Protein backbone atom coordinates (compact mmCIF):
# COMPACT_ATOMS: atom_id res chain seq x y z
CA UNK A 1 100.55 40.84 51.22
CA UNK A 2 98.62 42.15 48.24
CA UNK A 3 97.26 45.71 48.45
CA UNK A 4 94.52 45.07 45.85
CA UNK A 5 93.24 41.98 47.68
CA UNK A 6 93.30 43.79 51.04
CA UNK A 7 91.33 46.74 49.58
CA UNK A 8 88.73 44.33 48.18
CA UNK A 9 88.45 42.57 51.54
CA UNK A 10 88.07 45.89 53.38
CA UNK A 11 85.35 47.00 50.93
CA UNK A 12 83.46 43.70 51.38
CA UNK A 13 83.85 43.06 55.12
CA UNK A 14 84.66 46.46 56.62
CA UNK A 15 83.42 50.01 56.34
CA UNK A 16 84.89 52.40 53.79
CA UNK A 17 83.92 55.75 52.33
CA UNK A 18 84.67 56.72 48.75
CA UNK A 19 85.32 60.16 47.36
CA UNK A 20 87.22 63.24 48.43
CA UNK A 21 84.49 65.06 50.38
CA UNK A 22 83.38 62.01 52.39
CA UNK A 23 86.99 61.05 53.07
CA UNK A 24 87.92 64.54 54.21
CA UNK A 25 84.93 64.54 56.57
CA UNK A 26 86.04 61.18 58.05
CA UNK A 27 89.63 62.42 58.51
CA UNK A 28 88.57 65.70 60.14
CA UNK A 29 86.17 63.83 62.47
CA UNK A 30 88.92 61.40 63.47
CA UNK A 31 87.15 58.32 62.09
CA UNK A 32 89.64 57.50 59.33
CA UNK A 33 92.01 54.58 59.98
CA UNK A 34 93.68 54.79 56.55
CA UNK A 35 93.36 57.02 53.48
CA UNK A 36 94.23 55.77 49.98
CA UNK A 37 94.68 58.29 47.17
CA UNK A 38 94.87 57.31 43.49
CA UNK A 39 98.17 58.21 41.81
CA UNK A 40 96.43 60.50 39.31
CA UNK A 41 94.37 62.43 41.88
CA UNK A 42 94.77 66.21 41.54
CA UNK A 43 97.74 67.56 43.50
CA UNK A 44 95.59 70.01 45.49
CA UNK A 45 93.45 67.10 46.75
CA UNK A 46 96.58 65.14 47.71
CA UNK A 47 98.06 68.17 49.46
CA UNK A 48 94.85 68.95 51.36
CA UNK A 49 94.41 65.33 52.48
CA UNK A 50 98.07 65.05 53.48
CA UNK A 51 97.73 68.13 55.68
CA UNK A 52 94.58 66.85 57.42
CA UNK A 53 95.94 63.31 57.77
CA UNK A 54 99.05 64.66 59.46
CA UNK A 55 96.90 66.57 61.96
CA UNK A 56 94.63 63.59 62.70
CA UNK A 57 97.35 60.93 62.63
CA UNK A 58 95.64 58.86 59.92
CA UNK A 59 98.11 57.18 57.54
CA UNK A 60 97.97 58.30 53.90
CA UNK A 61 98.97 55.85 51.17
CA UNK A 62 99.20 56.48 47.46
CA UNK A 63 97.48 53.75 45.43
CA UNK A 64 99.84 52.81 42.57
CA UNK A 65 97.08 52.85 39.92
CA UNK A 66 94.75 55.49 38.51
CA UNK A 67 91.35 56.44 39.88
CA UNK A 68 89.81 54.13 37.25
CA UNK A 69 91.96 51.29 38.62
CA UNK A 70 90.91 52.06 42.19
CA UNK A 71 87.26 52.08 41.12
CA UNK A 72 87.71 48.69 39.45
CA UNK A 73 89.41 47.26 42.56
CA UNK A 74 86.38 48.38 44.60
CA UNK A 75 84.10 46.75 42.02
CA UNK A 76 82.54 50.09 41.03
CA UNK A 77 81.85 51.26 37.46
CA UNK A 78 83.25 54.74 38.18
CA UNK A 79 86.47 56.48 39.17
CA UNK A 80 87.46 56.67 42.82
CA UNK A 81 90.19 59.16 43.59
CA UNK A 82 90.11 58.72 47.37
CA UNK A 83 89.14 55.71 49.49
CA UNK A 84 89.08 55.91 53.28
CA UNK A 85 88.98 52.89 55.57
CA UNK A 86 86.86 53.46 58.67
CA UNK A 87 86.83 49.80 59.72
CA UNK A 88 89.17 47.28 58.05
CA UNK A 89 86.83 44.32 58.63
CA UNK A 90 88.69 41.08 57.98
CA UNK A 91 91.42 42.72 55.89
CA UNK A 92 94.99 43.33 57.03
CA UNK A 93 95.17 46.64 55.16
CA UNK A 94 96.19 48.58 58.28
CA UNK A 95 99.26 46.33 58.62
CA UNK A 96 100.18 47.28 55.04
CA UNK A 97 99.92 50.93 56.00
CA UNK A 98 102.42 50.34 58.82
CA UNK A 99 104.80 48.74 56.34
CA UNK A 100 104.36 45.18 57.59
CA UNK A 101 103.56 43.72 54.21
């Protein structure tokens, strides 16, 4: 299973939020199904998200590329440091998070 393709499918067919503040809100409110963090995101953002994800039970994955790469995968002309999946749509991205890929 390809992480990039699954992210693109989730963005097209599901419901995602982009950005640290929106993602943190979704995690704290218990709506996040999966949180993806770009590899070059600031360490304080990663640490803060990891703490909240642990409390809420939402899986946290590190995207292997930079925030520019994550933005490009989402078909956006800007950097995305954090992407949170609220509804996976037709993608199997949640299976990837469980390690079934």
